[in-house]
Each structure stands twice: as structure tokens, then as C-alpha cells.
């Protein structure tokens, strides 16, 4: 296909795989990532979990197994040199130690621009509450209470199973499967980088369709409400999938989409408007404008690779024009 990224022949056995195999493999990985979550109940016939912790730990194990299977499958599907060592294979998946801080810090700063409305809203809330506190002669109780609550929340994350799911297991396993495995497959399948940015999130959205069944059958929510809820979530995941795929291809670093994924899970949806009206909306619009203006410069491959003519990311991400 035209505009496909060049692959380094020195690091390949045959050069590429067929586009059909690449798409089928991606679909299989997406479906297996979801279906394996139900293996304890429908295949292993394990008794229902007695607690949320047990339930989530089972899902963590299932997601880990599915992720490991996808990584191993890619070793056989991708045209890698059989003489490669573990470090070389890790680079195929964008797991690199060079330029690691850039791959974490720059995407975080870039992503945070979309949450300018959230930051301004919270700041205005704190300033208003502080003024009210001072007028009531309550000293620094709000500030100390906020600090204490923040530290308490951070410390509770180590024992909160849902926090582990949202901020550790889900970002790590999803980015490994849907970015580290699928994007190299699609690249070797001959798809252009632009096509991959818009194609791979479709597979990503498949991994969230199961929430519809869970809402409808397990939580007894009406089908229409479940469709609306899952539809909103799918829309958000597809948009994020575009962004995460873009980050991975531009930087060649898996740490970039993982950092953005964790940050978005912590923050939730960007705040466009609030009770504080104009200030929040203005902050969001300015932040969004700066985000789009900074998108290409902040993800320039030269920031994440020492020499772009000999790209460290194996797939030739640095040849992005």
C-alpha cells in the first residue's frame, strides 16, 4: 500500500505479512481479550466469587493471560529475525529504556492541556472556599483538609482493587495488546500509518462491547439506557484510541500511550463547562487549541530517538513525514 512505513530489512526475515492475516490476527486478539474474562465462569466452571476483590483478581489473571498470548503470537506472526534476543523483541513492542522520561513527560503535558477546564474549575472552587473559610475565621482547615484527603486517597490506591484495575492493569494490558501488538501487525500488513491511526481503535472498541451485556443482564439496566451508556463509552474509547495509536506511532515508545491512558483514567472525561461558566469553557477552548497546535511538535520523533535515520523503534516510526 502507498505511504506505508518502511521497515528495516536488516531486522526482518521476510519483510511483511499479508494484510488479511494482520486484520484477522487483530480481531482475534481483541475478541480473546474480552472472551477470556468469562473463562472462569463458563469454561473452568469456578464458583461465583465471594467478594469484589476475588472477582477482580480473577479478571486481572485472565487479562494477563490473554495479553501474554497476544505477545507470544506476535513473535511468530511478525517477520522478526530468529536470532534476536529478548531486548530486540521488546523493542518491537515499543518497550524501550532510551528516552523514557520524554515518552512519559511530554505526552502527559500534552494530554493535560485537554483538561484545562478541569484544572481551572478546581482552582476556582478552592479559591472560593478559601475566601469563605477566611471570612468565617477557620484558618487553614480547608487547605489542610484538602492535603490530608489527597494523601489519604493516594495511600488507599495500594489496597483499592478498582484503582489497580483503572490505573495499572487496564492501561498496561490494553496498551500491550491494542498498541504494542496490533500496530506492528498492521504496519507489517502494509497499512499506512494514517490508516492504522484510524483503524486500530475499532479493535480497541470491541474490547468494551461486553459492558453492554454486563449492564443489561447483570445490573438489570434497561436496554436503551445500557446502549446509551456503552455508546458514550465507546465513543470516548475510540477517540482515545486514535490518540494513543498516534502517540505510539509518532514516538515508537509504548510508555507514551500508557502514560496518557493512566492520566485519562484518573481524570475521566474533560470538563467543557461547569457552574463556573465562562472561565471553565474558556480554559477548555484555550487548552484544546494549544493541544492541537502542539500535537505534532510535542510528538516529533526526534524527541524520542537519538538518530532518526537509524530508528530505535524498529518499525521506522521515525520516518513519519
C-alpha atoms as a PDB file:
ATOM      1  CA  UNK A   1       0.000   0.000   0.000  1.00  0.00           C
ATOM      2  CA  UNK A   2       1.123   3.557  -0.559  1.00  0.00           C
ATOM      3  CA  UNK A   3       2.508   5.597   2.289  1.00  0.00           C
ATOM      4  CA  UNK A   4       3.315   2.525   4.374  1.00  0.00           C
ATOM      5  CA  UNK A   5       6.170   2.910   6.814  1.00  0.00           C
ATOM      6  CA  UNK A   6       9.467   1.475   5.628  1.00  0.00           C
ATOM      7  CA  UNK A   7      10.720  -1.494   7.593  1.00  0.00           C
ATOM      8  CA  UNK A   8      14.380  -2.114   8.167  1.00  0.00           C
ATOM      9  CA  UNK A   9      15.378  -5.181   6.118  1.00  0.00           C
ATOM     10  CA  UNK A  10      18.299  -5.840   8.461  1.00  0.00           C
ATOM     11  CA  UNK A  11      15.880  -6.633  11.270  1.00  0.00           C
ATOM     12  CA  UNK A  12      13.359  -8.661   9.267  1.00  0.00           C
ATOM     13  CA  UNK A  13      13.276 -12.225   7.927  1.00  0.00           C
ATOM     14  CA  UNK A  14      10.883 -11.783   5.014  1.00  0.00           C
ATOM     15  CA  UNK A  15       9.688  -8.163   5.199  1.00  0.00           C
ATOM     16  CA  UNK A  16       5.948  -8.291   5.754  1.00  0.00           C
ATOM     17  CA  UNK A  17       2.788 -10.335   6.259  1.00  0.00           C
ATOM     18  CA  UNK A  18      -0.454 -10.213   4.306  1.00  0.00           C
ATOM     19  CA  UNK A  19      -2.965  -7.508   5.218  1.00  0.00           C
ATOM     20  CA  UNK A  20      -5.652 -10.163   5.688  1.00  0.00           C
ATOM     21  CA  UNK A  21      -3.610 -12.079   8.256  1.00  0.00           C
ATOM     22  CA  UNK A  22      -2.850  -8.828  10.093  1.00  0.00           C
ATOM     23  CA  UNK A  23      -6.542  -7.873  10.336  1.00  0.00           C
ATOM     24  CA  UNK A  24      -7.684 -11.361  11.349  1.00  0.00           C
ATOM     25  CA  UNK A  25      -4.964 -11.536  13.998  1.00  0.00           C
ATOM     26  CA  UNK A  26      -6.013  -8.167  15.412  1.00  0.00           C
ATOM     27  CA  UNK A  27      -9.659  -9.210  15.537  1.00  0.00           C
ATOM     28  CA  UNK A  28      -8.732 -12.472  17.263  1.00  0.00           C
ATOM     29  CA  UNK A  29      -6.671 -10.610  19.867  1.00  0.00           C
ATOM     30  CA  UNK A  30      -9.482  -8.134  20.547  1.00  0.00           C
ATOM     31  CA  UNK A  31     -12.092 -10.868  20.946  1.00  0.00           C
ATOM     32  CA  UNK A  32      -9.850 -13.079  23.060  1.00  0.00           C
ATOM     33  CA  UNK A  33      -9.072 -10.152  25.360  1.00  0.00           C
ATOM     34  CA  UNK A  34     -12.807  -9.953  26.150  1.00  0.00           C
ATOM     35  CA  UNK A  35     -13.856 -13.601  25.992  1.00  0.00           C
ATOM     36  CA  UNK A  36     -11.101 -14.844  28.284  1.00  0.00           C
ATOM     37  CA  UNK A  37     -12.594 -12.699  31.069  1.00  0.00           C
ATOM     38  CA  UNK A  38     -15.534 -15.111  31.160  1.00  0.00           C
ATOM     39  CA  UNK A  39     -13.405 -18.267  31.124  1.00  0.00           C
ATOM     40  CA  UNK A  40     -13.537 -18.818  34.931  1.00  0.00           C
ATOM     41  CA  UNK A  41     -17.347 -18.943  34.832  1.00  0.00           C
ATOM     42  CA  UNK A  42     -18.182 -20.636  31.524  1.00  0.00           C
ATOM     43  CA  UNK A  43     -15.104 -22.790  30.851  1.00  0.00           C
ATOM     44  CA  UNK A  44     -13.461 -23.558  34.195  1.00  0.00           C
ATOM     45  CA  UNK A  45     -16.869 -23.625  35.940  1.00  0.00           C
ATOM     46  CA  UNK A  46     -15.461 -21.955  39.028  1.00  0.00           C
ATOM     47  CA  UNK A  47     -17.940 -20.953  41.750  1.00  0.00           C
ATOM     48  CA  UNK A  48     -19.070 -17.303  41.804  1.00  0.00           C
ATOM     49  CA  UNK A  49     -16.554 -15.035  43.547  1.00  0.00           C
ATOM     50  CA  UNK A  50     -17.445 -14.181  47.132  1.00  0.00           C
ATOM     51  CA  UNK A  51     -16.102 -10.630  47.010  1.00  0.00           C
ATOM     52  CA  UNK A  52     -15.282  -7.828  44.591  1.00  0.00           C
ATOM     53  CA  UNK A  53     -11.579  -8.383  45.260  1.00  0.00           C
ATOM     54  CA  UNK A  54     -11.781 -12.045  44.240  1.00  0.00           C
ATOM     55  CA  UNK A  55     -13.778 -11.150  41.149  1.00  0.00           C
ATOM     56  CA  UNK A  56     -11.297  -8.502  40.034  1.00  0.00           C
ATOM     57  CA  UNK A  57      -8.253 -10.669  40.769  1.00  0.00           C
ATOM     58  CA  UNK A  58      -9.723 -13.355  38.510  1.00  0.00           C
ATOM     59  CA  UNK A  59     -10.144 -10.765  35.777  1.00  0.00           C
ATOM     60  CA  UNK A  60      -6.587  -9.490  36.298  1.00  0.00           C
ATOM     61  CA  UNK A  61      -5.300 -13.036  35.801  1.00  0.00           C
ATOM     62  CA  UNK A  62      -7.436 -13.543  32.681  1.00  0.00           C
ATOM     63  CA  UNK A  63      -6.332 -10.235  31.147  1.00  0.00           C
ATOM     64  CA  UNK A  64      -2.695 -11.087  31.872  1.00  0.00           C
ATOM     65  CA  UNK A  65      -3.005 -14.497  30.205  1.00  0.00           C
ATOM     66  CA  UNK A  66      -4.692 -13.008  27.129  1.00  0.00           C
ATOM     67  CA  UNK A  67      -2.030 -10.299  26.895  1.00  0.00           C
ATOM     68  CA  UNK A  68       0.810 -12.801  27.197  1.00  0.00           C
ATOM     69  CA  UNK A  69      -0.789 -14.966  24.487  1.00  0.00           C
ATOM     70  CA  UNK A  70      -1.015 -11.961  22.132  1.00  0.00           C
ATOM     71  CA  UNK A  71       2.626 -11.058  22.728  1.00  0.00           C
ATOM     72  CA  UNK A  72       3.741 -14.617  22.036  1.00  0.00           C
ATOM     73  CA  UNK A  73       1.545 -14.838  18.918  1.00  0.00           C
ATOM     74  CA  UNK A  74       3.194 -11.708  17.526  1.00  0.00           C
ATOM     75  CA  UNK A  75       6.615 -13.308  17.862  1.00  0.00           C
ATOM     76  CA  UNK A  76       5.509 -15.976  15.380  1.00  0.00           C
ATOM     77  CA  UNK A  77       3.399 -13.726  13.134  1.00  0.00           C
ATOM     78  CA  UNK A  78       5.787 -10.802  12.731  1.00  0.00           C
ATOM     79  CA  UNK A  79       8.818 -11.255  10.437  1.00  0.00           C
ATOM     80  CA  UNK A  80      11.415 -10.935  13.163  1.00  0.00           C
ATOM     81  CA  UNK A  81      14.909 -12.329  12.949  1.00  0.00           C
ATOM     82  CA  UNK A  82      15.066 -15.651  14.747  1.00  0.00           C
ATOM     83  CA  UNK A  83      18.483 -14.727  16.144  1.00  0.00           C
ATOM     84  CA  UNK A  84      17.083 -11.806  18.115  1.00  0.00           C
ATOM     85  CA  UNK A  85      17.427 -11.661  21.862  1.00  0.00           C
ATOM     86  CA  UNK A  86      14.783 -10.545  24.375  1.00  0.00           C
ATOM     87  CA  UNK A  87      15.867  -6.897  24.201  1.00  0.00           C
ATOM     88  CA  UNK A  88      15.362  -6.819  20.434  1.00  0.00           C
ATOM     89  CA  UNK A  89      11.889  -8.333  20.746  1.00  0.00           C
ATOM     90  CA  UNK A  90      10.929  -5.817  23.427  1.00  0.00           C
ATOM     91  CA  UNK A  91      11.789  -3.001  21.025  1.00  0.00           C
ATOM     92  CA  UNK A  92       9.309  -4.457  18.544  1.00  0.00           C
ATOM     93  CA  UNK A  93       6.611  -3.748  21.132  1.00  0.00           C
ATOM     94  CA  UNK A  94       7.910  -0.252  21.835  1.00  0.00           C
ATOM     95  CA  UNK A  95       9.313  -1.300  25.222  1.00  0.00           C
ATOM     96  CA  UNK A  96      12.496   0.730  25.379  1.00  0.00           C
ATOM     97  CA  UNK A  97      14.566   2.314  28.120  1.00  0.00           C
ATOM     98  CA  UNK A  98      16.082   5.064  25.973  1.00  0.00           C
ATOM     99  CA  UNK A  99      14.299   8.427  26.043  1.00  0.00           C
ATOM    100  CA  UNK A 100      11.935   7.036  28.669  1.00  0.00           C
ATOM    101  CA  UNK A 101      11.361  10.291  30.557  1.00  0.00           C
ATOM    102  CA  UNK A 102      10.490  12.100  27.333  1.00  0.00           C
ATOM    103  CA  UNK A 103       7.994   9.363  26.459  1.00  0.00           C
ATOM    104  CA  UNK A 104       6.271   9.866  29.816  1.00  0.00           C
ATOM    105  CA  UNK A 105       6.533  13.598  30.498  1.00  0.00           C
ATOM    106  CA  UNK A 106       5.776  15.071  27.069  1.00  0.00           C
ATOM    107  CA  UNK A 107       2.588  13.029  26.436  1.00  0.00           C
ATOM    108  CA  UNK A 108       1.408  13.812  29.983  1.00  0.00           C
ATOM    109  CA  UNK A 109       1.890  17.537  29.475  1.00  0.00           C
ATOM    110  CA  UNK A 110       0.231  17.349  26.062  1.00  0.00           C
ATOM    111  CA  UNK A 111      -2.765  15.378  27.351  1.00  0.00           C
ATOM    112  CA  UNK A 112      -3.196  17.662  30.356  1.00  0.00           C
ATOM    113  CA  UNK A 113      -3.984  20.548  28.002  1.00  0.00           C
ATOM    114  CA  UNK A 114      -7.347  18.928  27.267  1.00  0.00           C
ATOM    115  CA  UNK A 115      -8.136  19.081  30.981  1.00  0.00           C
ATOM    116  CA  UNK A 116      -7.514  22.801  31.370  1.00  0.00           C
ATOM    117  CA  UNK A 117     -11.215  23.286  32.134  1.00  0.00           C
ATOM    118  CA  UNK A 118     -10.995  20.745  34.961  1.00  0.00           C
ATOM    119  CA  UNK A 119      -7.947  22.405  36.473  1.00  0.00           C
ATOM    120  CA  UNK A 120      -9.448  25.891  36.314  1.00  0.00           C
ATOM    121  CA  UNK A 121     -12.745  24.686  37.788  1.00  0.00           C
ATOM    122  CA  UNK A 122     -10.977  23.028  40.705  1.00  0.00           C
ATOM    123  CA  UNK A 123      -8.778  26.090  41.242  1.00  0.00           C
ATOM    124  CA  UNK A 124     -11.772  28.425  41.312  1.00  0.00           C
ATOM    125  CA  UNK A 125     -13.528  26.118  43.745  1.00  0.00           C
ATOM    126  CA  UNK A 126     -10.527  26.141  46.090  1.00  0.00           C
ATOM    127  CA  UNK A 127     -10.164  29.935  45.896  1.00  0.00           C
ATOM    128  CA  UNK A 128     -13.870  30.466  46.620  1.00  0.00           C
ATOM    129  CA  UNK A 129     -13.800  28.015  49.500  1.00  0.00           C
ATOM    130  CA  UNK A 130     -10.627  29.613  50.875  1.00  0.00           C
ATOM    131  CA  UNK A 131     -12.230  33.068  50.875  1.00  0.00           C
ATOM    132  CA  UNK A 132     -15.255  31.703  52.665  1.00  0.00           C
ATOM    133  CA  UNK A 133     -13.002  29.951  55.123  1.00  0.00           C
ATOM    134  CA  UNK A 134     -11.090  33.147  55.894  1.00  0.00           C
ATOM    135  CA  UNK A 135     -14.284  35.136  56.314  1.00  0.00           C
ATOM    136  CA  UNK A 136     -15.502  32.557  58.849  1.00  0.00           C
ATOM    137  CA  UNK A 137     -12.184  32.656  60.697  1.00  0.00           C
ATOM    138  CA  UNK A 138     -11.498  28.959  60.140  1.00  0.00           C
ATOM    139  CA  UNK A 139      -7.810  29.398  59.360  1.00  0.00           C
ATOM    140  CA  UNK A 140      -6.222  26.802  57.108  1.00  0.00           C
ATOM    141  CA  UNK A 141      -8.672  23.987  57.796  1.00  0.00           C
ATOM    142  CA  UNK A 142      -9.682  23.708  54.141  1.00  0.00           C
ATOM    143  CA  UNK A 143      -6.106  23.619  52.890  1.00  0.00           C
ATOM    144  CA  UNK A 144      -5.022  21.075  55.478  1.00  0.00           C
ATOM    145  CA  UNK A 145      -8.158  19.030  54.916  1.00  0.00           C
ATOM    146  CA  UNK A 146      -7.591  19.023  51.168  1.00  0.00           C
ATOM    147  CA  UNK A 147      -3.956  17.974  51.613  1.00  0.00           C
ATOM    148  CA  UNK A 148      -4.906  15.257  54.070  1.00  0.00           C
ATOM    149  CA  UNK A 149      -7.654  13.967  51.785  1.00  0.00           C
ATOM    150  CA  UNK A 150      -5.306  13.922  48.804  1.00  0.00           C
ATOM    151  CA  UNK A 151      -2.636  11.965  50.675  1.00  0.00           C
ATOM    152  CA  UNK A 152      -5.254   9.597  52.050  1.00  0.00           C
ATOM    153  CA  UNK A 153      -6.560   8.942  48.540  1.00  0.00           C
ATOM    154  CA  UNK A 154      -3.068   8.241  47.220  1.00  0.00           C
ATOM    155  CA  UNK A 155      -2.318   5.801  50.049  1.00  0.00           C
ATOM    156  CA  UNK A 156      -5.628   3.995  49.546  1.00  0.00           C
ATOM    157  CA  UNK A 157      -4.784   3.183  45.934  1.00  0.00           C
ATOM    158  CA  UNK A 158      -2.429   0.410  47.033  1.00  0.00           C
ATOM    159  CA  UNK A 159      -5.318  -1.525  48.589  1.00  0.00           C
ATOM    160  CA  UNK A 160      -8.152  -0.471  46.240  1.00  0.00           C
ATOM    161  CA  UNK A 161      -8.749  -3.223  43.683  1.00  0.00           C
ATOM    162  CA  UNK A 162     -10.685  -0.886  41.368  1.00  0.00           C
ATOM    163  CA  UNK A 163      -7.786   1.562  41.420  1.00  0.00           C
ATOM    164  CA  UNK A 164      -5.452  -1.249  40.413  1.00  0.00           C
ATOM    165  CA  UNK A 165      -7.786  -2.065  37.528  1.00  0.00           C
ATOM    166  CA  UNK A 166      -8.138   1.529  36.311  1.00  0.00           C
ATOM    167  CA  UNK A 167      -4.590   2.748  36.813  1.00  0.00           C
ATOM    168  CA  UNK A 168      -2.400  -0.347  36.417  1.00  0.00           C
ATOM    169  CA  UNK A 169      -3.900  -3.497  34.911  1.00  0.00           C
ATOM    170  CA  UNK A 170      -6.223  -1.993  32.272  1.00  0.00           C
ATOM    171  CA  UNK A 171      -3.763   0.602  30.886  1.00  0.00           C
ATOM    172  CA  UNK A 172      -0.874  -1.862  30.815  1.00  0.00           C
ATOM    173  CA  UNK A 173      -2.670  -4.848  29.272  1.00  0.00           C
ATOM    174  CA  UNK A 174      -4.779  -2.806  26.842  1.00  0.00           C
ATOM    175  CA  UNK A 175      -1.818  -0.843  25.513  1.00  0.00           C
ATOM    176  CA  UNK A 176       0.258  -4.003  25.156  1.00  0.00           C
ATOM    177  CA  UNK A 177      -2.454  -5.739  23.135  1.00  0.00           C
ATOM    178  CA  UNK A 178      -4.061  -2.879  21.196  1.00  0.00           C
ATOM    179  CA  UNK A 179      -0.980  -0.798  20.526  1.00  0.00           C
ATOM    180  CA  UNK A 180       2.199  -2.873  21.029  1.00  0.00           C
ATOM    181  CA  UNK A 181       0.850  -5.986  19.290  1.00  0.00           C
ATOM    182  CA  UNK A 182      -1.691  -4.715  16.783  1.00  0.00           C
ATOM    183  CA  UNK A 183       0.120  -1.706  15.340  1.00  0.00           C
ATOM    184  CA  UNK A 184       3.257  -3.684  14.376  1.00  0.00           C
ATOM    185  CA  UNK A 185       0.996  -6.313  12.790  1.00  0.00           C
ATOM    186  CA  UNK A 186      -0.877  -3.688  10.773  1.00  0.00           C
ATOM    187  CA  UNK A 187       2.362  -1.982   9.765  1.00  0.00           C
ATOM    188  CA  UNK A 188       3.808  -5.261   8.529  1.00  0.00           C
ATOM    189  CA  UNK A 189       0.491  -5.909   6.816  1.00  0.00           C
ATOM    190  CA  UNK A 190       1.218  -2.934   4.571  1.00  0.00           C
ATOM    191  CA  UNK A 191      -1.271  -0.440   6.038  1.00  0.00           C
ATOM    192  CA  UNK A 192      -0.243   3.211   6.023  1.00  0.00           C
ATOM    193  CA  UNK A 193       0.367   4.985   9.287  1.00  0.00           C
ATOM    194  CA  UNK A 194      -2.688   7.204   8.748  1.00  0.00           C
ATOM    195  CA  UNK A 195      -4.908   4.183   8.135  1.00  0.00           C
ATOM    196  CA  UNK A 196      -3.601   2.484  11.261  1.00  0.00           C
ATOM    197  CA  UNK A 197      -4.330   5.502  13.459  1.00  0.00           C
ATOM    198  CA  UNK A 198      -7.994   5.301  12.456  1.00  0.00           C
ATOM    199  CA  UNK A 199      -8.271   1.515  12.068  1.00  0.00           C
ATOM    200  CA  UNK A 200      -6.744   0.178  15.280  1.00  0.00           C
ATOM    201  CA  UNK A 201      -9.235   1.951  17.626  1.00  0.00           C
ATOM    202  CA  UNK A 202     -12.003  -0.120  16.023  1.00  0.00           C
ATOM    203  CA  UNK A 203     -10.415  -3.219  17.524  1.00  0.00           C
ATOM    204  CA  UNK A 204      -9.980  -1.298  20.774  1.00  0.00           C
ATOM    205  CA  UNK A 205     -13.703  -0.554  20.906  1.00  0.00           C
ATOM    206  CA  UNK A 206     -14.533  -4.266  20.513  1.00  0.00           C
ATOM    207  CA  UNK A 207     -12.967  -4.875  23.914  1.00  0.00           C
ATOM    208  CA  UNK A 208     -15.617  -2.677  25.554  1.00  0.00           C
ATOM    209  CA  UNK A 209     -18.780  -4.080  23.937  1.00  0.00           C
ATOM    210  CA  UNK A 210     -19.072  -6.660  26.728  1.00  0.00           C
ATOM    211  CA  UNK A 211     -20.064  -3.817  29.077  1.00  0.00           C
ATOM    212  CA  UNK A 212     -23.422  -3.712  27.273  1.00  0.00           C
ATOM    213  CA  UNK A 213     -24.210  -7.290  28.286  1.00  0.00           C
ATOM    214  CA  UNK A 214     -22.992  -6.696  31.831  1.00  0.00           C
ATOM    215  CA  UNK A 215     -25.205  -3.631  32.256  1.00  0.00           C
ATOM    216  CA  UNK A 216     -28.238  -5.315  30.731  1.00  0.00           C
ATOM    217  CA  UNK A 217     -28.030  -8.801  32.238  1.00  0.00           C
ATOM    218  CA  UNK A 218     -26.045  -8.360  35.467  1.00  0.00           C
ATOM    219  CA  UNK A 219     -27.124  -4.899  36.609  1.00  0.00           C
ATOM    220  CA  UNK A 220     -30.649  -5.108  35.120  1.00  0.00           C
ATOM    221  CA  UNK A 221     -30.390  -1.711  33.435  1.00  0.00           C
ATOM    222  CA  UNK A 222     -32.872  -1.151  30.605  1.00  0.00           C
ATOM    223  CA  UNK A 223     -31.501  -1.973  27.158  1.00  0.00           C
ATOM    224  CA  UNK A 224     -31.909   1.597  25.875  1.00  0.00           C
ATOM    225  CA  UNK A 225     -30.040   3.069  28.852  1.00  0.00           C
ATOM    226  CA  UNK A 226     -27.347   0.409  28.550  1.00  0.00           C
ATOM    227  CA  UNK A 227     -26.901   1.224  24.849  1.00  0.00           C
ATOM    228  CA  UNK A 228     -26.627   4.945  25.588  1.00  0.00           C
ATOM    229  CA  UNK A 229     -24.137   4.371  28.392  1.00  0.00           C
ATOM    230  CA  UNK A 230     -21.966   1.983  26.404  1.00  0.00           C
ATOM    231  CA  UNK A 231     -22.305   4.140  23.277  1.00  0.00           C
ATOM    232  CA  UNK A 232     -20.840   7.116  25.138  1.00  0.00           C
ATOM    233  CA  UNK A 233     -18.044   4.945  26.470  1.00  0.00           C
ATOM    234  CA  UNK A 234     -17.307   3.512  23.037  1.00  0.00           C
ATOM    235  CA  UNK A 235     -17.185   6.986  21.533  1.00  0.00           C
ATOM    236  CA  UNK A 236     -14.694   8.063  24.175  1.00  0.00           C
ATOM    237  CA  UNK A 237     -12.567   4.905  23.786  1.00  0.00           C
ATOM    238  CA  UNK A 238     -12.444   5.253  20.001  1.00  0.00           C
ATOM    239  CA  UNK A 239     -11.309   8.872  20.250  1.00  0.00           C
ATOM    240  CA  UNK A 240      -8.724   7.928  22.847  1.00  0.00           C
ATOM    241  CA  UNK A 241      -7.693   5.017  20.634  1.00  0.00           C
ATOM    242  CA  UNK A 242      -6.935   7.447  17.806  1.00  0.00           C
ATOM    243  CA  UNK A 243      -4.774   9.481  20.142  1.00  0.00           C
ATOM    244  CA  UNK A 244      -2.987   6.511  21.734  1.00  0.00           C
ATOM    245  CA  UNK A 245      -2.221   4.974  18.330  1.00  0.00           C
ATOM    246  CA  UNK A 246      -0.930   8.335  17.123  1.00  0.00           C
ATOM    247  CA  UNK A 247       1.353   8.595  20.166  1.00  0.00           C
ATOM    248  CA  UNK A 248       2.701   5.091  19.681  1.00  0.00           C
ATOM    249  CA  UNK A 249       3.438   5.544  16.005  1.00  0.00           C
ATOM    250  CA  UNK A 250       4.949   9.014  16.399  1.00  0.00           C
ATOM    251  CA  UNK A 251       7.181   8.155  19.357  1.00  0.00           C
ATOM    252  CA  UNK A 252       7.846   4.431  18.897  1.00  0.00           C
ATOM    253  CA  UNK A 253       7.543   4.228  22.691  1.00  0.00           C
ATOM    254  CA  UNK A 254       4.868   2.185  24.491  1.00  0.00           C
ATOM    255  CA  UNK A 255       5.357   4.364  27.574  1.00  0.00           C
ATOM    256  CA  UNK A 256       3.720   7.300  25.754  1.00  0.00           C
ATOM    257  CA  UNK A 257       0.214   5.812  25.327  1.00  0.00           C
ATOM    258  CA  UNK A 258       0.409   4.097  28.726  1.00  0.00           C
ATOM    259  CA  UNK A 259       1.114   7.431  30.448  1.00  0.00           C
ATOM    260  CA  UNK A 260      -1.746   9.104  28.581  1.00  0.00           C
ATOM    261  CA  UNK A 261      -4.070   6.170  29.345  1.00  0.00           C
ATOM    262  CA  UNK A 262      -3.394   6.289  33.084  1.00  0.00           C
ATOM    263  CA  UNK A 263      -3.815  10.062  33.163  1.00  0.00           C
ATOM    264  CA  UNK A 264      -7.159   9.934  31.319  1.00  0.00           C
ATOM    265  CA  UNK A 265      -8.417   7.185  33.635  1.00  0.00           C
ATOM    266  CA  UNK A 266      -7.514   9.322  36.640  1.00  0.00           C
ATOM    267  CA  UNK A 267      -9.143  12.464  35.252  1.00  0.00           C
ATOM    268  CA  UNK A 268     -12.185  10.996  33.473  1.00  0.00           C
ATOM    269  CA  UNK A 269     -13.849  12.969  30.689  1.00  0.00           C
ATOM    270  CA  UNK A 270     -12.529  16.500  30.051  1.00  0.00           C
ATOM    271  CA  UNK A 271     -14.681  19.202  31.606  1.00  0.00           C
ATOM    272  CA  UNK A 272     -16.081  21.513  28.925  1.00  0.00           C
ATOM    273  CA  UNK A 273     -18.428  23.536  31.118  1.00  0.00           C
ATOM    274  CA  UNK A 274     -19.417  23.807  34.771  1.00  0.00           C
ATOM    275  CA  UNK A 275     -21.277  26.010  37.230  1.00  0.00           C
ATOM    276  CA  UNK A 276     -18.356  28.404  36.946  1.00  0.00           C
ATOM    277  CA  UNK A 277     -19.369  29.029  33.349  1.00  0.00           C
ATOM    278  CA  UNK A 278     -17.190  31.214  31.175  1.00  0.00           C
ATOM    279  CA  UNK A 279     -13.874  30.600  32.922  1.00  0.00           C
ATOM    280  CA  UNK A 280     -14.149  26.817  32.555  1.00  0.00           C
ATOM    281  CA  UNK A 281     -15.304  26.982  28.937  1.00  0.00           C
ATOM    282  CA  UNK A 282     -12.596  29.476  28.038  1.00  0.00           C
ATOM    283  CA  UNK A 283      -9.926  27.365  29.730  1.00  0.00           C
ATOM    284  CA  UNK A 284     -11.077  24.258  27.854  1.00  0.00           C
ATOM    285  CA  UNK A 285     -11.104  26.030  24.488  1.00  0.00           C
ATOM    286  CA  UNK A 286      -7.665  27.565  25.018  1.00  0.00           C
ATOM    287  CA  UNK A 287      -6.271  24.245  26.242  1.00  0.00           C
ATOM    288  CA  UNK A 288      -7.769  22.378  23.269  1.00  0.00           C
ATOM    289  CA  UNK A 289      -6.348  24.962  20.845  1.00  0.00           C
ATOM    290  CA  UNK A 290      -2.861  24.701  22.359  1.00  0.00           C
ATOM    291  CA  UNK A 291      -3.187  20.900  22.316  1.00  0.00           C
ATOM    292  CA  UNK A 292      -3.817  20.754  18.565  1.00  0.00           C
ATOM    293  CA  UNK A 293      -1.126  23.341  17.825  1.00  0.00           C
ATOM    294  CA  UNK A 294       1.382  21.396  19.955  1.00  0.00           C
ATOM    295  CA  UNK A 295       0.365  17.907  18.817  1.00  0.00           C
ATOM    296  CA  UNK A 296       2.943  17.457  16.060  1.00  0.00           C
ATOM    297  CA  UNK A 297       5.865  19.346  17.691  1.00  0.00           C
ATOM    298  CA  UNK A 298       5.394  17.551  21.041  1.00  0.00           C
ATOM    299  CA  UNK A 299       5.386  14.145  19.344  1.00  0.00           C
ATOM    300  CA  UNK A 300       8.189  14.781  16.883  1.00  0.00           C
ATOM    301  CA  UNK A 301      10.142  11.512  16.514  1.00  0.00           C
ATOM    302  CA  UNK A 302      13.407  13.371  17.043  1.00  0.00           C
ATOM    303  CA  UNK A 303      12.439  13.934  20.683  1.00  0.00           C
ATOM    304  CA  UNK A 304      12.221  10.197  21.305  1.00  0.00           C
ATOM    305  CA  UNK A 305      15.103   8.834  19.225  1.00  0.00           C
ATOM    306  CA  UNK A 306      18.768   9.737  19.132  1.00  0.00           C
ATOM    307  CA  UNK A 307      19.111   9.348  15.383  1.00  0.00           C
ATOM    308  CA  UNK A 308      16.025   9.177  13.230  1.00  0.00           C
ATOM    309  CA  UNK A 309      17.966   7.818  10.258  1.00  0.00           C
ATOM    310  CA  UNK A 310      18.593   4.665  12.320  1.00  0.00           C
ATOM    311  CA  UNK A 311      15.326   4.461  14.195  1.00  0.00           C
ATOM    312  CA  UNK A 312      15.407   2.693  17.556  1.00  0.00           C
ATOM    313  CA  UNK A 313      11.742   1.773  17.260  1.00  0.00           C
ATOM    314  CA  UNK A 314      12.341  -0.947  14.619  1.00  0.00           C
ATOM    315  CA  UNK A 315       9.276  -0.216  12.522  1.00  0.00           C
ATOM    316  CA  UNK A 316      10.562   3.026  11.072  1.00  0.00           C
ATOM    317  CA  UNK A 317       8.217   5.231  13.100  1.00  0.00           C
ATOM    318  CA  UNK A 318      10.828   7.928  12.808  1.00  0.00           C
ATOM    319  CA  UNK A 319      10.278   8.096   9.072  1.00  0.00           C
ATOM    320  CA  UNK A 320       6.940   9.787   9.689  1.00  0.00           C
ATOM    321  CA  UNK A 321       6.909  12.771   7.339  1.00  0.00           C
END
